[in-house]
Amino acid sequence: MACTHGSVWRATLSKIVVIGAGITGVSTAYALLMRGYDVTVVDRHRYAAMETSFANGGQLSASNAEVWNHWSTVLKGIMWMLKRDAPLLMNPAPTWHKYSWLAEFVSNIGKYRENTVATTRLAIAARKFMFEIAEQEAIDFDHVRRGILHIYWDKRSFEHAMRVNQMLVEGGLDRRAVTASEIKSIEPALHGTFHRGFYTPSDSTGDIHKYTTGLARVCEKRGATFLYDRIVTSIARRDCFRITCSASDSGGYATSQIIEADAVVVSAGVSSRSFAAMLGDRLNIYPVKGYSITVHLDDEASQKAAPWVSLLDDRAKIVTSRLGASRFRVAGTAELNGMNRDIRDDRVRPLVDWTRTLFPGVRTQRVVPWAGLRPMMPNMMPKIGKGRAPGVFYNTGHGHLGWTLSAATAAMVADVMLQDIPVDARPRGRSRSDRPDS
């Protein structure tokens, strides 16, 4: 039933509210618009892509589809617990959310292979969707299609990578082992003595912020409404959803606004857990912090010394992407420390030092640090599809692969919605709030 009020009923488009204007929320809005829905996107920031979609590592990487549910991850986390610059760091202070998430993480180790293969297939499908959207809508996002090179410093880590590669290939990925000399030929700017590597020519990189904001503008041109600076405080349902938002104007005065909709899609990153609770669902998303630096290549020598091929250093857990001629993105680390968004020097410093070591010709005089919270489910698989209540849908919890998977998961949730929510809704009577006894 369409959420339309008044004494005269007319056929209307079903109205969908998407909560969250990051990469998954905006991608979902686009997929819904293309299927004919009336779409409103609500976000607490003034612009799209201002949280985890602001400055991630930039990789569109099916080759990084391995889920983290493995005993080696657990052992490394324990060993690194007291090392402040470790690639994986956990604050040991106890919270129910953290330890319940960790317990579920361990319980999903048995699905490690199954989920890795499934994620690989999804990532391969997603890049086809994304490339088609970018071409059709003429979105410029510093897209570089030179593949991703994984580098390994020792035999033991490479042998583990061989086993992972079997799963990625099973998922349909074209990825091959390369020798130390081939690593140098693939990316001549790279300095270091490596054991071996893997190269995935079909992977690519880009600027997630430029893509997301560009796609948001496309959505607006296609008729979507974006309500920024809105904090969703409650969601209630009678005949339709009534979403209450608070907003503050430039003078700091708070106002309240009610948005009515036929369905709700939660794509709110780490905040999705609290929205799910409002809607009667348990969504055990945990915020896993990651850091990045954007190195500005202000001189010709730095531009020549920086790589164009995207890298993943398995030992340091660092990824890179070249964002046009004048920017180089270096990102990595995982930190379990709740909703903490602080940018710590001892976490940023290893990224800078790594850059100086492997690319000594790159000047790091102008480096912009950033930290974001990855929304991670315990099984490392995104939550896609229906909630418990009618009209509730989710596209969230993508963890470290939100940028990679978003185009496919958006299409999936939109197709699921088509089964339950007709695009052209024809109400059969008045809504309760318009009846004399309401």
Protein backbone atom coordinates (compact mmCIF):
# COMPACT_ATOMS: atom_id res chain seq x y z
CA MET A 1 0.00 0.00 0.00
CA ALA A 2 1.38 3.40 -0.95
CA CYS A 3 1.88 5.81 1.90
CA THR A 4 -0.38 8.55 0.50
CA HIS A 5 -2.76 10.68 2.55
CA GLY A 6 -5.93 12.56 1.58
CA SER A 7 -9.49 11.85 0.57
CA VAL A 8 -8.67 11.11 -3.06
CA TRP A 9 -6.45 8.14 -3.78
CA ARG A 10 -4.23 8.08 -6.85
CA ALA A 11 -1.80 5.55 -8.21
CA THR A 12 1.68 6.54 -7.01
CA LEU A 13 5.20 5.24 -7.16
CA SER A 14 6.19 3.34 -4.05
CA LYS A 15 8.41 5.53 -1.90
CA ILE A 16 11.60 3.98 -0.53
CA VAL A 17 13.83 5.60 2.08
CA VAL A 18 17.51 4.63 2.04
CA ILE A 19 19.33 5.39 5.29
CA GLY A 20 22.95 6.23 4.53
CA ALA A 21 24.65 8.13 1.69
CA GLY A 22 27.90 6.17 1.54
CA ILE A 23 28.89 3.91 -1.33
CA THR A 24 26.31 1.20 -0.52
CA GLY A 25 23.47 3.64 0.17
CA VAL A 26 24.00 5.70 -2.98
CA SER A 27 24.48 2.55 -5.08
CA THR A 28 21.23 1.20 -3.64
CA ALA A 29 19.43 4.44 -4.44
CA TYR A 30 20.62 4.24 -8.03
CA ALA A 31 19.52 0.60 -8.40
CA LEU A 32 16.07 1.45 -7.02
CA LEU A 33 15.69 4.46 -9.32
CA MET A 34 16.56 2.32 -12.32
CA ARG A 35 13.73 -0.01 -11.33
CA GLY A 36 11.25 2.85 -11.13
CA TYR A 37 10.92 3.60 -7.39
CA ASP A 38 10.54 7.00 -5.75
CA VAL A 39 13.72 7.23 -3.65
CA THR A 40 14.72 9.43 -0.71
CA VAL A 41 18.19 9.13 0.83
CA VAL A 42 18.77 10.32 4.40
CA ASP A 43 22.22 10.97 5.86
CA ARG A 44 23.52 12.69 8.97
CA HIS A 45 26.30 14.48 7.10
CA ARG A 46 26.03 17.51 4.85
CA TYR A 47 27.34 15.64 1.82
CA ALA A 48 27.48 12.09 0.47
CA ALA A 49 30.45 9.78 1.18
CA MET A 50 31.73 11.55 4.29
CA GLU A 51 32.49 8.50 6.46
CA THR A 52 34.03 5.19 5.39
CA SER A 53 33.50 6.10 1.73
CA PHE A 54 35.71 9.17 2.03
CA ALA A 55 39.31 7.93 1.70
CA ASN A 56 39.64 4.15 1.66
CA GLY A 57 42.41 2.19 -0.03
CA GLY A 58 40.78 2.57 -3.45
CA GLN A 59 41.04 -1.04 -4.58
CA LEU A 60 38.28 -2.72 -6.58
CA SER A 61 39.72 -6.06 -5.63
CA ALA A 62 38.23 -9.46 -6.21
CA SER A 63 41.74 -10.67 -5.39
CA ASN A 64 41.25 -9.49 -1.80
CA ALA A 65 38.08 -11.52 -1.31
CA GLU A 66 39.56 -13.88 1.28
CA VAL A 67 37.48 -13.63 4.46
CA TRP A 68 39.34 -13.14 7.73
CA ASN A 69 37.77 -16.07 9.59
CA HIS A 70 40.91 -18.15 9.95
CA TRP A 71 42.87 -19.36 12.96
CA SER A 72 45.96 -17.51 11.69
CA THR A 73 44.06 -14.22 12.09
CA VAL A 74 43.19 -15.09 15.67
CA LEU A 75 46.79 -16.01 16.51
CA LYS A 76 48.17 -12.84 14.93
CA GLY A 77 45.64 -10.76 16.85
CA ILE A 78 46.79 -12.28 20.13
CA MET A 79 50.49 -11.84 19.31
CA TRP A 80 50.04 -8.23 18.22
CA MET A 81 47.72 -7.17 21.05
CA LEU A 82 50.37 -5.09 22.86
CA LYS A 83 52.16 -3.81 19.77
CA ARG A 84 50.79 -0.32 19.08
CA ASP A 85 51.88 -0.24 15.42
CA ALA A 86 50.69 -3.79 14.60
CA PRO A 87 48.66 -4.34 11.40
CA LEU A 88 45.87 -5.85 13.53
CA LEU A 89 45.26 -4.29 16.95
CA MET A 90 42.54 -4.95 19.49
CA ASN A 91 41.78 -2.88 22.55
CA PRO A 92 41.46 -5.60 25.24
CA ALA A 93 39.00 -3.54 27.33
CA PRO A 94 35.92 -5.76 27.62
CA THR A 95 32.60 -4.82 26.01
CA TRP A 96 29.73 -7.19 25.33
CA HIS A 97 29.49 -6.09 21.71
CA LYS A 98 33.17 -6.71 20.98
CA TYR A 99 33.42 -10.12 22.62
CA SER A 100 30.09 -11.37 21.26
CA TRP A 101 31.30 -10.35 17.80
CA LEU A 102 34.63 -12.13 18.33
CA ALA A 103 32.83 -15.27 19.49
CA GLU A 104 30.72 -15.28 16.32
CA PHE A 105 33.84 -14.55 14.26
CA VAL A 106 35.51 -17.70 15.61
CA SER A 107 32.33 -19.75 15.11
CA ASN A 108 32.45 -18.92 11.38
CA ILE A 109 35.98 -20.25 10.83
CA GLY A 110 34.41 -23.45 9.51
CA LYS A 111 32.85 -21.43 6.65
CA TYR A 112 36.16 -19.81 5.66
CA ARG A 113 36.47 -21.56 2.30
CA GLU A 114 32.79 -21.38 1.38
CA ASN A 115 32.55 -17.65 2.15
CA THR A 116 35.81 -16.81 0.37
CA VAL A 117 34.65 -18.47 -2.83
CA ALA A 118 31.22 -16.81 -2.60
CA THR A 119 32.77 -13.38 -2.02
CA THR A 120 35.05 -13.83 -5.02
CA ARG A 121 32.10 -14.57 -7.30
CA LEU A 122 30.20 -11.59 -5.95
CA ALA A 123 33.20 -9.26 -6.43
CA ILE A 124 33.63 -10.35 -10.05
CA ALA A 125 29.95 -9.68 -10.77
CA ALA A 126 30.11 -6.33 -8.97
CA ARG A 127 32.84 -4.81 -11.09
CA LYS A 128 30.82 -5.49 -14.26
CA PHE A 129 27.90 -3.56 -12.75
CA MET A 130 30.13 -0.70 -11.59
CA PHE A 131 32.02 -0.29 -14.86
CA GLU A 132 28.72 -0.21 -16.79
CA ILE A 133 27.29 2.43 -14.44
CA ALA A 134 30.41 4.61 -14.60
CA GLU A 135 30.43 4.47 -18.40
CA GLN A 136 26.71 5.03 -18.82
CA GLU A 137 26.63 7.96 -16.38
CA ALA A 138 30.05 9.40 -17.36
CA ILE A 139 31.42 9.33 -13.80
CA ASP A 140 35.09 10.28 -13.56
CA PHE A 141 36.70 8.68 -10.51
CA ASP A 142 40.40 8.36 -11.39
CA HIS A 143 39.86 4.78 -12.50
CA VAL A 144 43.13 2.92 -13.16
CA ARG A 145 42.88 -0.53 -14.75
CA ARG A 146 46.41 -1.88 -14.36
CA GLY A 147 45.64 -4.81 -12.09
CA ILE A 148 46.60 -5.56 -8.48
CA LEU A 149 49.93 -7.08 -7.47
CA HIS A 150 50.15 -9.00 -4.16
CA ILE A 151 53.70 -9.17 -2.81
CA TYR A 152 55.11 -11.71 -0.34
CA TRP A 153 58.42 -11.39 1.47
CA ASP A 154 58.93 -15.04 2.50
CA LYS A 155 58.17 -18.57 1.39
CA ARG A 156 55.75 -19.37 4.23
CA SER A 157 53.37 -16.51 3.52
CA PHE A 158 53.50 -17.24 -0.22
CA GLU A 159 52.58 -20.89 0.38
CA HIS A 160 49.52 -19.75 2.36
CA ALA A 161 48.69 -17.44 -0.55
CA MET A 162 48.88 -20.42 -2.91
CA ARG A 163 46.13 -22.12 -0.92
CA VAL A 164 44.04 -18.94 -0.93
CA ASN A 165 44.59 -18.60 -4.66
CA GLN A 166 42.95 -21.98 -5.25
CA MET A 167 39.75 -20.62 -3.67
CA LEU A 168 39.89 -17.39 -5.68
CA VAL A 169 40.36 -19.32 -8.91
CA GLU A 170 37.46 -21.59 -7.93
CA GLY A 171 35.40 -18.43 -7.62
CA GLY A 172 36.27 -17.54 -11.22
CA LEU A 173 39.18 -15.12 -10.78
CA ASP A 174 42.02 -14.86 -13.31
CA ARG A 175 45.05 -14.61 -11.00
CA ARG A 176 48.55 -15.96 -11.50
CA ALA A 177 51.72 -16.43 -9.51
CA VAL A 178 54.70 -14.27 -10.48
CA THR A 179 58.41 -14.47 -9.72
CA ALA A 180 60.50 -11.81 -8.01
CA SER A 181 61.81 -10.64 -11.40
CA GLU A 182 58.28 -10.48 -12.81
CA ILE A 183 57.25 -8.30 -9.84
CA LYS A 184 59.91 -5.78 -10.90
CA SER A 185 58.71 -5.81 -14.50
CA ILE A 186 55.06 -5.38 -13.52
CA GLU A 187 55.84 -2.42 -11.23
CA PRO A 188 59.35 -1.01 -11.80
CA ALA A 189 58.91 1.70 -9.13
CA LEU A 190 58.77 -0.90 -6.34
CA HIS A 191 61.88 -1.33 -4.17
CA GLY A 192 62.44 -4.44 -2.05
CA THR A 193 63.60 -8.05 -2.09
CA PHE A 194 60.51 -10.23 -2.41
CA HIS A 195 60.05 -13.98 -2.46
CA ARG A 196 57.22 -14.10 -5.00
CA GLY A 197 53.81 -12.59 -5.70
CA PHE A 198 50.42 -12.89 -7.36
CA TYR A 199 49.08 -10.66 -10.10
CA THR A 200 45.40 -10.08 -10.94
CA PRO A 201 45.20 -8.10 -14.21
CA SER A 202 41.41 -7.69 -14.09
CA ASP A 203 41.38 -5.81 -10.76
CA SER A 204 41.55 -2.01 -10.67
CA THR A 205 41.49 1.07 -8.46
CA GLY A 206 39.69 4.39 -8.16
CA ASP A 207 38.64 7.21 -5.89
CA ILE A 208 35.63 6.03 -3.88
CA HIS A 209 34.68 9.56 -2.81
CA LYS A 210 34.64 10.88 -6.37
CA TYR A 211 32.62 7.90 -7.58
CA THR A 212 30.06 8.07 -4.76
CA THR A 213 29.51 11.81 -4.97
CA GLY A 214 29.31 11.58 -8.75
CA LEU A 215 26.71 8.81 -8.51
CA ALA A 216 24.76 10.84 -5.94
CA ARG A 217 24.52 13.71 -8.43
CA VAL A 218 23.29 11.26 -11.06
CA CYS A 219 20.62 10.01 -8.64
CA GLU A 220 19.44 13.56 -7.99
CA LYS A 221 19.16 14.22 -11.73
CA ARG A 222 17.11 11.04 -12.03
CA GLY A 223 14.68 12.27 -9.37
CA ALA A 224 16.01 11.05 -6.03
CA THR A 225 15.71 13.31 -2.99
CA PHE A 226 18.73 13.61 -0.70
CA LEU A 227 18.08 14.86 2.82
CA TYR A 228 21.41 15.74 4.42
CA ASP A 229 22.15 16.90 7.96
CA ARG A 230 19.36 14.61 9.20
CA ILE A 231 19.75 12.33 12.21
CA VAL A 232 17.18 9.52 12.26
CA THR A 233 15.88 9.30 15.83
CA SER A 234 13.01 6.81 15.42
CA ILE A 235 11.32 4.54 12.91
CA ALA A 236 7.72 3.43 13.48
CA ARG A 237 5.22 1.63 11.31
CA ARG A 238 1.44 1.54 11.13
CA ASP A 239 0.16 1.52 7.56
CA CYS A 240 3.52 2.79 6.43
CA PHE A 241 6.87 3.75 7.89
CA ARG A 242 7.13 7.05 9.74
CA ILE A 243 10.78 8.03 10.03
CA THR A 244 11.49 10.85 12.46
CA CYS A 245 14.61 12.93 11.86
CA SER A 246 16.17 15.78 13.75
CA ALA A 247 18.02 18.54 11.92
CA SER A 248 19.93 21.59 13.04
CA ASP A 249 20.08 24.81 11.05
CA SER A 250 23.11 27.08 10.83
CA GLY A 251 22.10 28.76 14.10
CA GLY A 252 22.06 25.46 15.97
CA TYR A 253 18.27 25.29 16.38
CA ALA A 254 16.97 21.72 16.18
CA THR A 255 13.87 20.90 14.16
CA SER A 256 11.97 17.66 13.69
CA GLN A 257 10.86 16.15 10.40
CA ILE A 258 8.76 13.09 9.62
CA ILE A 259 9.32 11.17 6.38
CA GLU A 260 6.76 8.59 5.28
CA ALA A 261 7.67 5.63 3.12
CA ASP A 262 6.49 2.23 1.94
CA ALA A 263 9.83 0.57 2.67
CA VAL A 264 13.18 1.26 4.30
CA VAL A 265 16.66 0.14 3.23
CA VAL A 266 19.36 0.36 5.88
CA SER A 267 22.78 1.10 4.36
CA ALA A 268 24.23 3.10 7.22
CA GLY A 269 27.62 1.50 7.74
CA VAL A 270 28.55 1.02 11.38
CA SER A 271 25.32 2.77 12.44
CA SER A 272 23.26 0.03 10.79
CA ARG A 273 23.28 -1.98 14.01
CA SER A 274 21.31 0.66 15.91
CA PHE A 275 18.81 1.14 13.06
CA ALA A 276 18.29 -2.62 12.87
CA ALA A 277 17.44 -2.61 16.58
CA MET A 278 14.77 0.05 15.92
CA LEU A 279 13.31 -2.25 13.26
CA GLY A 280 13.33 -5.40 15.41
CA ASP A 281 16.42 -7.05 13.92
CA ARG A 282 19.75 -8.08 15.42
CA LEU A 283 22.63 -7.05 13.19
CA ASN A 284 25.96 -7.75 14.83
CA ILE A 285 28.08 -5.25 12.90
CA TYR A 286 31.30 -4.17 14.57
CA PRO A 287 33.33 -1.06 13.61
CA VAL A 288 36.82 -2.13 12.51
CA LYS A 289 38.96 0.97 12.08
CA GLY A 290 41.27 1.38 9.13
CA TYR A 291 43.73 4.17 8.31
CA SER A 292 44.91 5.74 5.09
CA ILE A 293 47.26 8.45 3.96
CA THR A 294 46.99 10.41 0.74
CA VAL A 295 50.46 11.36 -0.45
CA HIS A 296 50.35 14.43 -2.68
CA LEU A 297 52.83 14.05 -5.52
CA ASP A 298 53.68 17.72 -5.91
CA ASP A 299 56.82 17.36 -8.01
CA GLU A 300 57.69 15.49 -11.17
CA ALA A 301 60.22 13.24 -9.43
CA SER A 302 57.60 11.99 -6.94
CA GLN A 303 55.12 11.37 -9.73
CA LYS A 304 57.65 9.22 -11.56
CA ALA A 305 58.69 7.37 -8.39
CA ALA A 306 55.16 6.42 -7.32
CA PRO A 307 53.59 3.19 -8.64
CA TRP A 308 50.66 2.96 -11.04
CA VAL A 309 49.98 -0.73 -10.44
CA SER A 310 47.98 -1.27 -7.25
CA LEU A 311 49.75 -3.22 -4.51
CA LEU A 312 48.90 -5.37 -1.51
CA ASP A 313 51.76 -6.08 0.87
CA ASP A 314 50.75 -9.22 2.75
CA ARG A 315 53.25 -8.74 5.59
CA ALA A 316 52.31 -5.14 6.41
CA LYS A 317 48.62 -5.56 5.40
CA ILE A 318 48.91 -2.40 3.34
CA VAL A 319 47.21 -1.60 0.02
CA THR A 320 47.90 1.20 -2.45
CA SER A 321 46.21 2.96 -5.33
CA ARG A 322 47.26 5.70 -7.72
CA LEU A 323 44.59 8.40 -7.91
CA GLY A 324 45.53 10.29 -11.03
CA ALA A 325 48.92 11.83 -11.66
CA SER A 326 49.20 13.77 -8.42
CA ARG A 327 47.88 11.53 -5.61
CA PHE A 328 49.00 8.24 -4.11
CA ARG A 329 46.78 6.46 -1.56
CA VAL A 330 48.30 4.09 1.02
CA ALA A 331 45.94 2.32 3.42
CA GLY A 332 45.77 -0.52 5.87
CA THR A 333 45.61 -1.76 9.45
CA ALA A 334 42.63 -3.09 11.37
CA GLU A 335 41.78 -1.84 14.82
CA LEU A 336 39.04 -3.16 17.12
CA ASN A 337 38.39 -0.21 19.40
CA GLY A 338 34.66 0.48 19.24
CA MET A 339 33.31 3.67 17.67
CA ASN A 340 36.64 5.45 18.10
CA ARG A 341 37.45 7.68 15.12
CA ASP A 342 40.66 9.23 16.49
CA ILE A 343 43.55 9.50 14.04
CA ARG A 344 46.57 8.25 15.97
CA ASP A 345 50.11 9.11 14.95
CA ASP A 346 51.42 5.67 15.96
CA ARG A 347 48.99 4.07 13.51
CA VAL A 348 49.63 6.53 10.67
CA ARG A 349 53.43 6.51 11.01
CA PRO A 350 53.85 2.91 9.70
CA LEU A 351 52.04 3.90 6.48
CA VAL A 352 54.42 6.81 5.94
CA ASP A 353 57.50 4.71 6.78
CA TRP A 354 56.34 1.95 4.44
CA THR A 355 55.99 4.47 1.61
CA ARG A 356 59.47 5.85 2.24
CA THR A 357 61.01 2.37 2.29
CA LEU A 358 59.39 0.89 -0.81
CA PHE A 359 59.26 4.14 -2.82
CA PRO A 360 62.25 6.20 -1.68
CA GLY A 361 61.86 8.68 -4.52
CA VAL A 362 58.42 9.79 -3.32
CA ARG A 363 58.45 12.90 -1.16
CA THR A 364 56.19 12.61 1.90
CA GLN A 365 56.23 16.30 2.73
CA ARG A 366 52.47 16.68 2.16
CA VAL A 367 50.56 13.70 3.54
CA VAL A 368 46.90 13.76 4.59
CA PRO A 369 45.93 11.09 7.18
CA TRP A 370 42.44 9.68 7.59
CA ALA A 371 40.65 6.99 9.61
CA GLY A 372 37.35 5.24 8.90
CA LEU A 373 35.26 2.49 10.47
CA ARG A 374 34.60 -0.58 8.36
CA PRO A 375 31.15 -2.12 9.08
CA MET A 376 31.98 -5.81 9.59
CA MET A 377 29.73 -8.77 10.17
CA PRO A 378 31.30 -11.67 12.14
CA ASN A 379 31.22 -13.96 9.09
CA MET A 380 32.69 -11.21 6.82
CA MET A 381 29.63 -11.47 4.55
CA PRO A 382 27.39 -8.46 3.88
CA LYS A 383 23.81 -8.41 5.09
CA ILE A 384 21.64 -8.23 1.97
CA GLY A 385 17.89 -8.58 1.72
CA LYS A 386 14.86 -8.65 3.97
CA GLY A 387 14.54 -7.86 7.64
CA ARG A 388 12.08 -9.45 10.03
CA ALA A 389 9.29 -6.90 9.48
CA PRO A 390 7.59 -6.35 6.10
CA GLY A 391 9.10 -3.48 4.16
CA VAL A 392 12.49 -3.64 5.90
CA PHE A 393 15.60 -4.35 3.81
CA TYR A 394 19.36 -4.25 4.37
CA ASN A 395 22.41 -3.63 2.24
CA THR A 396 25.20 -3.20 4.75
CA GLY A 397 28.04 -4.87 6.64
CA HIS A 398 30.47 -5.15 3.71
CA GLY A 399 33.60 -4.75 5.85
CA HIS A 400 36.79 -4.15 3.87
CA LEU A 401 35.03 -4.80 0.52
CA GLY A 402 32.25 -2.21 0.46
CA TRP A 403 33.75 -0.37 -2.50
CA THR A 404 34.31 -3.66 -4.35
CA LEU A 405 30.91 -5.28 -3.73
CA SER A 406 28.51 -2.33 -3.60
CA ALA A 407 27.24 -2.30 -7.19
CA ALA A 408 26.27 -5.98 -7.08
CA THR A 409 24.69 -5.98 -3.62
CA ALA A 410 22.67 -2.87 -4.54
CA ALA A 411 21.22 -4.68 -7.56
CA MET A 412 20.51 -7.73 -5.40
CA VAL A 413 18.57 -5.87 -2.72
CA ALA A 414 16.64 -3.92 -5.37
CA ASP A 415 15.62 -7.17 -7.07
CA VAL A 416 14.52 -8.66 -3.74
CA MET A 417 12.44 -5.55 -3.11
CA LEU A 418 10.68 -5.90 -6.46
CA GLN A 419 9.24 -9.20 -5.25
CA ASP A 420 7.57 -7.58 -2.22
CA ILE A 421 7.03 -3.90 -3.02
CA PRO A 422 5.37 -3.12 -6.36
CA VAL A 423 6.80 -0.09 -8.09
CA ASP A 424 3.39 1.31 -9.00
CA ALA A 425 1.34 0.97 -5.81
CA ARG A 426 -2.42 1.42 -5.96
CA PRO A 427 -3.85 1.94 -2.47
CA ARG A 428 -7.21 0.38 -1.69
CA GLY A 429 -8.38 2.69 1.09
CA ARG A 430 -7.45 5.47 3.44
CA SER A 431 -4.50 5.14 5.72
CA ARG A 432 -5.26 4.93 9.43
CA SER A 433 -3.99 8.45 10.13
CA ASP A 434 -6.61 9.91 7.73
CA ARG A 435 -9.57 8.08 9.28
CA PRO A 436 -11.91 9.97 11.63
CA ASP A 437 -11.06 7.71 14.58
CA SER A 438 -7.25 8.01 14.23
